[in-house]
Structures are given as C-alpha cells and as structure tokens.
Amino acid sequence: MISTIEDVELDQVCTKIGVGLAMAVTPYMVASGVKLIRNQNIRPNKFDDSSVIFLDPSFAASQASKTIRHDDVVIVRTGSNIGDACVVPEHFDGSQSFTTLMVRPNLKCLSPHYLAQFINSSFGRSEVERLMAGGGKGNLNSGELERFRVKLPSIKEQRRIAELLTTWDA
C-alpha cells in the first residue's frame, strides 16, 4: 500500500537551515584542527573527502552556530554545481563549512539520505532553478532554501527509497 505523499517546504521539516562561514578563512587555516567542508567536497549523493583543510579550533569555537553535524545535508550554494547535495558523514561531525548551505532535517519526519537524493533528482533540480537568486551567475540562499518544496512520503518509505537509490548509486 502506498501512502499519501505530501508536498512540504523545508522549513516545515527541518530544525536548521543556514549557510556556512561567509568570510575569509585563510588566516584561520592550520595543519590540523576542525575540518572545513567546501563546495568541492559536495558531489551529488556523495561526500568527497579527498581534499580536506582544517581551521584553528579556537576560531571554529567562535563560530559555533556554523557547526555541521553528521546527517546534516550540505548543498552547493554558488558556482557551476549549484544544488549538488550530499549527507555529511559521521567522521565530519563537528566540522564547519565555507559558504555552503546546510540543512538539519527533523529525523522524525525527514530522512537526510532521502532529502539529498530528492535535491539531486530532476524534481529537486527544478526547485533549485525556481529558487535561485542573483543576476548572471546566480546563487541559492538559505532564505530561499526554506521554501524548497519536497515530496514527503512516510519516513519508512523515505528510508526505503533512499536505501534503494543509494545502492543504485554505488
């Protein structure tokens, strides 16, 4: 039996929607410390940790509201890959991000893996196009992302869909 699928906006099913550090971070880069997620780490449904840089822990602590957690969904906000999304892996829990969008799903009603798959789907790409702001190059901002419409089956169905698509991606 297939349940009803609702169309909801992200701000209804997430506990946090925001953007990472939007300032020069070069002065705070160190050889080891708090990991920094950048656009090049975000691929559709895949987190690429082959290129990692670190921030001074004291600086990162001063930016606590920008902290990323395992199972958050990070999304490319500007550039040629606007809208690419993936789930933050466990070994990046506590990291920061540089100008990427971050969504923290309410895990009771929205699976992060389902959300990433949805954002990267043709439905999600259409939503990104609808919400993009700015002239010429364009960007996706956190205020607009709150209005991103997602099709929301039951959490059980979301998990099955995400598992199937993740297996397919592999």
N, C-alpha and C. Protein backbone atom coordinates (compact mmCIF):
# COMPACT_ATOMS: atom_id res chain seq x y z
N MET A 1 0.83 -1.18 0.00
CA MET A 1 0.00 0.00 0.00
C MET A 1 0.89 1.25 0.00
N ILE A 2 0.60 2.18 -0.87
CA ILE A 2 1.36 3.42 -0.97
C ILE A 2 0.64 4.49 -0.16
N SER A 3 1.39 5.17 0.67
CA SER A 3 0.79 6.23 1.48
C SER A 3 0.67 7.52 0.67
N THR A 4 -0.02 8.46 1.26
CA THR A 4 -0.16 9.78 0.65
C THR A 4 1.20 10.48 0.69
N ILE A 5 1.51 11.16 -0.38
CA ILE A 5 2.76 11.92 -0.44
C ILE A 5 2.40 13.40 -0.36
N GLU A 6 2.93 14.05 0.65
CA GLU A 6 2.69 15.48 0.85
C GLU A 6 3.77 16.30 0.17
N ASP A 7 3.41 17.49 -0.26
CA ASP A 7 4.40 18.48 -0.68
C ASP A 7 4.57 19.44 0.49
N VAL A 8 5.79 19.53 1.01
CA VAL A 8 6.07 20.43 2.14
C VAL A 8 7.28 21.29 1.81
N GLU A 9 7.38 22.41 2.50
CA GLU A 9 8.56 23.26 2.36
C GLU A 9 9.57 22.86 3.44
N LEU A 10 10.85 23.00 3.12
CA LEU A 10 11.90 22.54 4.04
C LEU A 10 11.78 23.14 5.44
N ASP A 11 11.38 24.39 5.55
CA ASP A 11 11.32 24.98 6.88
C ASP A 11 10.29 24.30 7.79
N GLN A 12 9.41 23.50 7.20
CA GLN A 12 8.40 22.76 7.98
C GLN A 12 8.95 21.44 8.53
N VAL A 13 10.03 20.94 7.95
CA VAL A 13 10.52 19.60 8.31
C VAL A 13 12.01 19.59 8.68
N CYS A 14 12.56 20.76 8.96
CA CYS A 14 13.97 20.87 9.35
C CYS A 14 14.09 21.66 10.63
N THR A 15 15.12 21.33 11.41
CA THR A 15 15.36 22.07 12.64
C THR A 15 16.35 23.22 12.42
N LYS A 16 17.06 23.19 11.29
CA LYS A 16 18.01 24.26 10.99
C LYS A 16 18.25 24.32 9.49
N ILE A 17 18.26 25.53 8.97
CA ILE A 17 18.63 25.80 7.58
C ILE A 17 19.53 27.02 7.62
N GLY A 18 20.74 26.90 7.09
CA GLY A 18 21.65 28.03 7.16
C GLY A 18 22.77 27.93 6.16
N VAL A 19 23.69 28.86 6.28
CA VAL A 19 24.86 28.90 5.41
C VAL A 19 26.10 28.88 6.27
N GLY A 20 27.14 28.28 5.75
CA GLY A 20 28.41 28.19 6.47
C GLY A 20 29.11 29.53 6.54
N LEU A 21 30.37 29.47 6.92
CA LEU A 21 31.19 30.67 7.06
C LEU A 21 31.22 31.46 5.76
N ALA A 22 30.92 32.73 5.84
CA ALA A 22 30.90 33.58 4.65
C ALA A 22 31.88 34.74 4.85
N MET A 23 33.09 34.37 5.23
CA MET A 23 34.16 35.35 5.49
C MET A 23 35.47 34.72 5.08
N ALA A 24 36.50 35.50 5.01
CA ALA A 24 37.82 34.96 4.69
C ALA A 24 38.26 34.03 5.82
N VAL A 25 38.58 32.79 5.48
CA VAL A 25 39.02 31.82 6.49
C VAL A 25 40.50 31.49 6.38
N THR A 26 41.16 31.99 5.35
CA THR A 26 42.57 31.68 5.14
C THR A 26 43.43 31.98 6.37
N PRO A 27 43.20 33.10 7.07
CA PRO A 27 44.04 33.36 8.26
C PRO A 27 43.86 32.32 9.37
N TYR A 28 42.80 31.54 9.31
CA TYR A 28 42.50 30.57 10.37
C TYR A 28 42.81 29.13 9.98
N MET A 29 43.37 28.93 8.79
CA MET A 29 43.73 27.58 8.35
C MET A 29 44.97 27.10 9.09
N VAL A 30 44.94 25.83 9.50
CA VAL A 30 46.04 25.21 10.24
C VAL A 30 46.28 23.81 9.70
N ALA A 31 47.38 23.19 10.12
CA ALA A 31 47.73 21.86 9.64
C ALA A 31 46.77 20.78 10.13
N SER A 32 46.22 20.95 11.33
CA SER A 32 45.20 20.03 11.82
C SER A 32 44.31 20.80 12.78
N GLY A 33 43.07 20.38 12.85
CA GLY A 33 42.10 21.09 13.69
C GLY A 33 40.70 20.67 13.31
N VAL A 34 39.82 21.65 13.15
CA VAL A 34 38.43 21.40 12.80
C VAL A 34 38.32 21.34 11.27
N LYS A 35 37.73 20.27 10.78
CA LYS A 35 37.59 20.09 9.33
C LYS A 35 36.67 21.16 8.74
N LEU A 36 37.01 21.56 7.51
CA LEU A 36 36.23 22.56 6.79
C LEU A 36 35.65 21.94 5.52
N ILE A 37 34.34 21.95 5.40
CA ILE A 37 33.66 21.44 4.20
C ILE A 37 33.57 22.58 3.19
N ARG A 38 33.99 22.27 1.96
CA ARG A 38 33.92 23.23 0.86
C ARG A 38 33.10 22.64 -0.28
N ASN A 39 32.77 23.48 -1.25
CA ASN A 39 31.96 23.01 -2.38
C ASN A 39 32.56 21.79 -3.06
N GLN A 40 33.89 21.73 -3.16
CA GLN A 40 34.50 20.60 -3.86
C GLN A 40 34.33 19.27 -3.12
N ASN A 41 33.91 19.33 -1.86
CA ASN A 41 33.64 18.10 -1.11
C ASN A 41 32.25 17.55 -1.40
N ILE A 42 31.40 18.38 -1.99
CA ILE A 42 29.99 18.02 -2.20
C ILE A 42 29.78 17.56 -3.63
N ARG A 43 29.38 16.32 -3.77
CA ARG A 43 29.01 15.74 -5.06
C ARG A 43 27.59 15.21 -4.93
N PRO A 44 26.87 15.05 -6.03
CA PRO A 44 25.51 14.53 -5.90
C PRO A 44 25.49 13.18 -5.17
N ASN A 45 24.92 13.18 -3.98
CA ASN A 45 24.75 11.98 -3.14
C ASN A 45 26.06 11.33 -2.72
N LYS A 46 27.15 12.10 -2.75
CA LYS A 46 28.46 11.54 -2.39
C LYS A 46 29.29 12.64 -1.75
N PHE A 47 29.91 12.33 -0.63
CA PHE A 47 30.80 13.27 0.04
C PHE A 47 32.23 12.91 -0.34
N ASP A 48 32.96 13.86 -0.92
CA ASP A 48 34.34 13.64 -1.37
C ASP A 48 35.29 14.24 -0.33
N ASP A 49 35.92 13.37 0.45
CA ASP A 49 36.83 13.86 1.49
C ASP A 49 38.30 13.74 1.08
N SER A 50 38.57 13.72 -0.23
CA SER A 50 39.94 13.57 -0.69
C SER A 50 40.75 14.86 -0.51
N SER A 51 40.09 15.98 -0.33
CA SER A 51 40.77 17.25 -0.16
C SER A 51 40.20 17.94 1.08
N VAL A 52 40.92 17.83 2.19
CA VAL A 52 40.43 18.39 3.45
C VAL A 52 41.40 19.45 3.96
N ILE A 53 40.83 20.56 4.39
CA ILE A 53 41.64 21.56 5.07
C ILE A 53 41.05 21.74 6.47
N PHE A 54 41.82 22.38 7.34
CA PHE A 54 41.44 22.48 8.75
C PHE A 54 41.46 23.93 9.22
N LEU A 55 40.61 24.20 10.20
CA LEU A 55 40.54 25.52 10.83
C LEU A 55 41.05 25.43 12.26
N ASP A 56 41.59 26.55 12.72
CA ASP A 56 42.01 26.66 14.11
C ASP A 56 40.80 26.38 15.02
N PRO A 57 40.94 25.46 15.98
CA PRO A 57 39.81 25.12 16.86
C PRO A 57 39.23 26.32 17.62
N SER A 58 40.06 27.28 18.01
CA SER A 58 39.55 28.47 18.72
C SER A 58 38.65 29.30 17.82
N PHE A 59 39.07 29.47 16.57
CA PHE A 59 38.24 30.20 15.61
C PHE A 59 36.93 29.45 15.38
N ALA A 60 37.02 28.14 15.16
CA ALA A 60 35.81 27.34 14.93
C ALA A 60 34.85 27.45 16.11
N ALA A 61 35.39 27.43 17.32
CA ALA A 61 34.54 27.55 18.52
C ALA A 61 33.83 28.90 18.56
N SER A 62 34.47 29.93 18.02
CA SER A 62 33.85 31.26 18.00
C SER A 62 32.72 31.33 16.96
N GLN A 63 32.65 30.32 16.11
CA GLN A 63 31.63 30.26 15.06
C GLN A 63 30.71 29.05 15.29
N ALA A 64 30.39 28.78 16.54
CA ALA A 64 29.65 27.57 16.91
C ALA A 64 28.32 27.42 16.17
N SER A 65 27.67 28.51 15.83
CA SER A 65 26.38 28.43 15.12
C SER A 65 26.53 27.86 13.71
N LYS A 66 27.75 27.80 13.22
CA LYS A 66 28.02 27.28 11.88
C LYS A 66 28.45 25.81 11.90
N THR A 67 28.43 25.18 13.06
CA THR A 67 28.89 23.79 13.19
C THR A 67 27.97 22.84 12.44
N ILE A 68 28.60 21.93 11.71
CA ILE A 68 27.90 20.93 10.91
C ILE A 68 27.88 19.61 11.67
N ARG A 69 26.80 18.88 11.56
CA ARG A 69 26.65 17.60 12.25
C ARG A 69 26.49 16.46 11.26
N HIS A 70 26.86 15.29 11.73
CA HIS A 70 26.61 14.05 10.97
C HIS A 70 25.12 14.00 10.65
N ASP A 71 24.80 13.63 9.45
CA ASP A 71 23.43 13.53 8.92
C ASP A 71 22.82 14.87 8.53
N ASP A 72 23.57 15.98 8.65
CA ASP A 72 23.12 17.21 8.01
C ASP A 72 23.28 17.01 6.51
N VAL A 73 22.53 17.76 5.74
CA VAL A 73 22.68 17.75 4.29
C VAL A 73 23.35 19.06 3.90
N VAL A 74 24.45 18.96 3.17
CA VAL A 74 25.15 20.15 2.68
C VAL A 74 24.88 20.30 1.19
N ILE A 75 24.75 21.56 0.77
CA ILE A 75 24.33 21.87 -0.60
C ILE A 75 25.22 22.97 -1.15
N VAL A 76 25.67 22.82 -2.39
CA VAL A 76 26.48 23.85 -3.05
C VAL A 76 25.58 25.07 -3.30
N ARG A 77 26.04 26.22 -2.85
CA ARG A 77 25.27 27.45 -2.90
C ARG A 77 25.59 28.32 -4.11
N THR A 78 26.83 28.29 -4.60
CA THR A 78 27.23 29.13 -5.73
C THR A 78 28.13 28.32 -6.66
N GLY A 79 28.33 28.85 -7.86
CA GLY A 79 29.25 28.22 -8.80
C GLY A 79 28.56 27.28 -9.77
N SER A 80 29.36 26.51 -10.46
CA SER A 80 28.84 25.66 -11.53
C SER A 80 28.04 24.46 -11.05
N ASN A 81 28.19 24.10 -9.78
CA ASN A 81 27.48 22.92 -9.26
C ASN A 81 26.37 23.29 -8.28
N ILE A 82 25.77 24.46 -8.47
CA ILE A 82 24.70 24.90 -7.57
C ILE A 82 23.67 23.78 -7.44
N GLY A 83 23.33 23.48 -6.19
CA GLY A 83 22.29 22.49 -5.93
C GLY A 83 22.79 21.09 -5.68
N ASP A 84 24.06 20.80 -5.96
CA ASP A 84 24.58 19.47 -5.62
C ASP A 84 24.46 19.30 -4.11
N ALA A 85 24.03 18.11 -3.68
CA ALA A 85 23.78 17.89 -2.26
C ALA A 85 24.24 16.50 -1.84
N CYS A 86 24.68 16.40 -0.59
CA CYS A 86 25.04 15.10 -0.01
C CYS A 86 24.89 15.16 1.51
N VAL A 87 24.92 13.99 2.11
CA VAL A 87 24.81 13.87 3.56
C VAL A 87 26.21 13.93 4.17
N VAL A 88 26.34 14.64 5.27
CA VAL A 88 27.61 14.75 5.96
C VAL A 88 27.91 13.42 6.66
N PRO A 89 29.08 12.83 6.37
CA PRO A 89 29.42 11.55 7.01
C PRO A 89 29.80 11.73 8.48
N GLU A 90 29.75 10.65 9.20
CA GLU A 90 30.00 10.67 10.64
C GLU A 90 31.36 11.26 10.99
N HIS A 91 32.39 10.96 10.18
CA HIS A 91 33.73 11.45 10.51
C HIS A 91 33.90 12.95 10.23
N PHE A 92 32.86 13.65 9.78
CA PHE A 92 32.88 15.09 9.63
C PHE A 92 31.96 15.78 10.63
N ASP A 93 31.44 15.03 11.61
CA ASP A 93 30.62 15.62 12.66
C ASP A 93 31.45 16.66 13.41
N GLY A 94 30.88 17.84 13.61
CA GLY A 94 31.59 18.91 14.31
C GLY A 94 32.41 19.80 13.40
N SER A 95 32.34 19.58 12.10
CA SER A 95 33.10 20.40 11.16
C SER A 95 32.41 21.76 10.94
N GLN A 96 33.06 22.59 10.16
CA GLN A 96 32.50 23.86 9.71
C GLN A 96 32.36 23.78 8.19
N SER A 97 31.68 24.74 7.61
CA SER A 97 31.61 24.75 6.15
C SER A 97 31.87 26.16 5.65
N PHE A 98 32.37 26.25 4.44
CA PHE A 98 32.69 27.53 3.82
C PHE A 98 31.67 27.83 2.74
N THR A 99 30.79 28.74 3.00
CA THR A 99 29.74 29.24 2.11
C THR A 99 28.83 28.17 1.51
N THR A 100 28.76 27.02 2.12
CA THR A 100 27.82 26.00 1.65
C THR A 100 26.52 26.13 2.45
N LEU A 101 25.44 25.67 1.87
CA LEU A 101 24.18 25.61 2.58
C LEU A 101 24.14 24.36 3.44
N MET A 102 23.45 24.45 4.57
CA MET A 102 23.34 23.32 5.49
C MET A 102 21.88 23.18 5.91
N VAL A 103 21.42 21.95 5.87
CA VAL A 103 20.05 21.64 6.29
C VAL A 103 20.13 20.53 7.33
N ARG A 104 19.47 20.75 8.46
CA ARG A 104 19.40 19.73 9.50
C ARG A 104 17.96 19.21 9.56
N PRO A 105 17.70 18.04 8.92
CA PRO A 105 16.34 17.51 8.90
C PRO A 105 15.85 17.11 10.30
N ASN A 106 14.56 17.26 10.52
CA ASN A 106 13.92 16.69 11.69
C ASN A 106 13.82 15.19 11.41
N LEU A 107 14.64 14.40 12.07
CA LEU A 107 14.77 12.98 11.75
C LEU A 107 13.50 12.17 12.01
N LYS A 108 12.55 12.77 12.69
CA LYS A 108 11.27 12.08 12.94
C LYS A 108 10.40 12.06 11.68
N CYS A 109 10.65 13.03 10.78
CA CYS A 109 9.79 13.10 9.60
C CYS A 109 10.54 13.23 8.28
N LEU A 110 11.86 13.43 8.30
CA LEU A 110 12.61 13.59 7.06
C LEU A 110 13.97 12.90 7.16
N SER A 111 14.17 11.94 6.29
CA SER A 111 15.44 11.22 6.20
C SER A 111 16.47 12.07 5.46
N PRO A 112 17.66 12.27 6.02
CA PRO A 112 18.67 13.08 5.32
C PRO A 112 19.08 12.46 3.98
N HIS A 113 19.16 11.14 3.92
CA HIS A 113 19.55 10.48 2.66
C HIS A 113 18.46 10.63 1.60
N TYR A 114 17.22 10.56 2.02
CA TYR A 114 16.11 10.81 1.09
C TYR A 114 16.18 12.24 0.59
N LEU A 115 16.40 13.20 1.51
CA LEU A 115 16.45 14.61 1.12
C LEU A 115 17.55 14.86 0.11
N ALA A 116 18.75 14.33 0.35
CA ALA A 116 19.85 14.52 -0.61
C ALA A 116 19.48 13.92 -1.96
N GLN A 117 18.94 12.72 -1.95
CA GLN A 117 18.52 12.10 -3.22
C GLN A 117 17.48 12.96 -3.92
N PHE A 118 16.53 13.49 -3.16
CA PHE A 118 15.47 14.32 -3.75
C PHE A 118 16.06 15.60 -4.35
N ILE A 119 16.94 16.27 -3.61
CA ILE A 119 17.53 17.52 -4.11
C ILE A 119 18.28 17.27 -5.41
N ASN A 120 18.95 16.13 -5.52
CA ASN A 120 19.72 15.82 -6.72
C ASN A 120 18.88 15.26 -7.86
N SER A 121 17.60 15.00 -7.62
CA SER A 121 16.71 14.46 -8.65
C SER A 121 16.25 15.57 -9.59
N SER A 122 15.58 15.20 -10.65
CA SER A 122 15.04 16.20 -11.58
C SER A 122 14.02 17.10 -10.88
N PHE A 123 13.26 16.55 -9.93
CA PHE A 123 12.31 17.37 -9.16
C PHE A 123 13.07 18.42 -8.35
N GLY A 124 14.13 17.98 -7.67
CA GLY A 124 14.92 18.89 -6.85
C GLY A 124 15.63 19.94 -7.67
N ARG A 125 16.17 19.53 -8.81
CA ARG A 125 16.86 20.49 -9.69
C ARG A 125 15.90 21.58 -10.15
N SER A 126 14.65 21.19 -10.43
CA SER A 126 13.64 22.19 -10.81
C SER A 126 13.39 23.17 -9.68
N GLU A 127 13.36 22.68 -8.46
CA GLU A 127 13.17 23.54 -7.30
C GLU A 127 14.36 24.49 -7.12
N VAL A 128 15.56 23.99 -7.30
CA VAL A 128 16.75 24.85 -7.20
C VAL A 128 16.66 25.97 -8.23
N GLU A 129 16.31 25.63 -9.45
CA GLU A 129 16.17 26.65 -10.51
C GLU A 129 15.11 27.69 -10.14
N ARG A 130 14.01 27.23 -9.56
CA ARG A 130 12.92 28.14 -9.17
C ARG A 130 13.39 29.12 -8.10
N LEU A 131 14.24 28.66 -7.21
CA LEU A 131 14.63 29.46 -6.05
C LEU A 131 15.90 30.27 -6.22
N MET A 132 16.69 29.99 -7.26
CA MET A 132 17.96 30.69 -7.42
C MET A 132 17.75 32.20 -7.52
N ALA A 133 18.64 32.91 -6.86
CA ALA A 133 18.58 34.37 -6.84
C ALA A 133 19.86 34.93 -7.43
N GLY A 134 19.84 36.20 -7.76
CA GLY A 134 21.05 36.86 -8.23
C GLY A 134 21.13 36.91 -9.74
N GLY A 135 21.85 37.88 -10.23
CA GLY A 135 22.00 38.03 -11.67
C GLY A 135 23.15 37.22 -12.20
N GLY A 136 23.10 36.91 -13.47
CA GLY A 136 24.20 36.24 -14.16
C GLY A 136 24.55 34.88 -13.58
N LYS A 137 25.46 34.86 -12.63
CA LYS A 137 25.99 33.62 -12.07
C LYS A 137 24.95 32.89 -11.21
N GLY A 138 24.18 33.64 -10.45
CA GLY A 138 23.16 33.05 -9.61
C GLY A 138 23.70 32.39 -8.36
N ASN A 139 22.85 32.28 -7.39
CA ASN A 139 23.18 31.56 -6.17
C ASN A 139 21.90 31.12 -5.50
N LEU A 140 22.03 30.24 -4.56
CA LEU A 140 20.91 29.74 -3.79
C LEU A 140 21.16 30.17 -2.35
N ASN A 141 20.26 30.93 -1.76
CA ASN A 141 20.50 31.39 -0.40
C ASN A 141 19.61 30.65 0.60
N SER A 142 19.96 30.74 1.86
CA SER A 142 19.26 29.97 2.88
C SER A 142 17.81 30.40 3.04
N GLY A 143 17.53 31.68 2.87
CA GLY A 143 16.15 32.15 2.95
C GLY A 143 15.27 31.53 1.88
N GLU A 144 15.80 31.46 0.69
CA GLU A 144 15.06 30.82 -0.40
C GLU A 144 14.96 29.32 -0.18
N LEU A 145 16.03 28.72 0.33
CA LEU A 145 16.03 27.27 0.55
C LEU A 145 14.93 26.85 1.52
N GLU A 146 14.56 27.71 2.44
CA GLU A 146 13.46 27.40 3.36
C GLU A 146 12.17 27.10 2.61
N ARG A 147 12.02 27.69 1.42
CA ARG A 147 10.81 27.49 0.60
C ARG A 147 10.95 26.35 -0.40
N PHE A 148 12.06 25.61 -0.36
CA PHE A 148 12.27 24.45 -1.23
C PHE A 148 11.16 23.44 -0.95
N ARG A 149 10.46 23.02 -1.99
CA ARG A 149 9.36 22.06 -1.84
C ARG A 149 9.88 20.65 -2.06
N VAL A 150 9.56 19.79 -1.11
CA VAL A 150 9.98 18.39 -1.19
C VAL A 150 8.75 17.51 -1.09
N LYS A 151 8.73 16.45 -1.87
CA LYS A 151 7.66 15.46 -1.79
C LYS A 151 7.97 14.54 -0.63
N LEU A 152 7.04 14.41 0.29
CA LEU A 152 7.32 13.75 1.55
C LEU A 152 6.40 12.54 1.79
N PRO A 153 6.87 11.36 1.39
CA PRO A 153 6.15 10.15 1.80
C PRO A 153 6.43 9.86 3.28
N SER A 154 5.91 8.79 3.80
CA SER A 154 6.17 8.44 5.19
C SER A 154 7.67 8.24 5.41
N ILE A 155 8.12 8.40 6.64
CA ILE A 155 9.54 8.24 6.95
C ILE A 155 10.01 6.83 6.59
N LYS A 156 9.18 5.84 6.79
CA LYS A 156 9.53 4.47 6.44
C LYS A 156 9.77 4.34 4.93
N GLU A 157 8.89 4.93 4.13
CA GLU A 157 9.06 4.89 2.68
C GLU A 157 10.29 5.70 2.25
N GLN A 158 10.54 6.83 2.90
CA GLN A 158 11.73 7.63 2.58
C GLN A 158 12.99 6.79 2.76
N ARG A 159 13.05 6.07 3.86
CA ARG A 159 14.23 5.25 4.14
C ARG A 159 14.40 4.15 3.09
N ARG A 160 13.30 3.54 2.68
CA ARG A 160 13.38 2.51 1.63
C ARG A 160 13.83 3.12 0.30
N ILE A 161 13.26 4.26 -0.05
CA ILE A 161 13.64 4.93 -1.30
C ILE A 161 15.13 5.29 -1.28
N ALA A 162 15.57 5.90 -0.17
CA ALA A 162 16.98 6.31 -0.05
C ALA A 162 17.91 5.09 -0.12
N GLU A 163 17.54 4.02 0.56
CA GLU A 163 18.37 2.81 0.54
C GLU A 163 18.48 2.25 -0.88
N LEU A 164 17.36 2.19 -1.58
CA LEU A 164 17.37 1.69 -2.95
C LEU A 164 18.23 2.57 -3.87
N LEU A 165 18.03 3.89 -3.79
CA LEU A 165 18.79 4.79 -4.66
C LEU A 165 20.27 4.84 -4.29
N THR A 166 20.59 4.75 -3.01
CA THR A 166 21.99 4.72 -2.59
C THR A 166 22.67 3.47 -3.12
N THR A 167 21.98 2.36 -3.06
CA THR A 167 22.51 1.11 -3.62
C THR A 167 22.72 1.25 -5.12
N TRP A 168 21.77 1.86 -5.78
CA TRP A 168 21.85 2.09 -7.23
C TRP A 168 23.06 2.97 -7.56
N ASP A 169 23.24 4.06 -6.78
CA ASP A 169 24.38 4.95 -6.99
C ASP A 169 25.71 4.23 -6.84
N ALA A 170 25.78 3.29 -5.88
CA ALA A 170 27.03 2.57 -5.62
C ALA A 170 27.37 1.69 -6.81
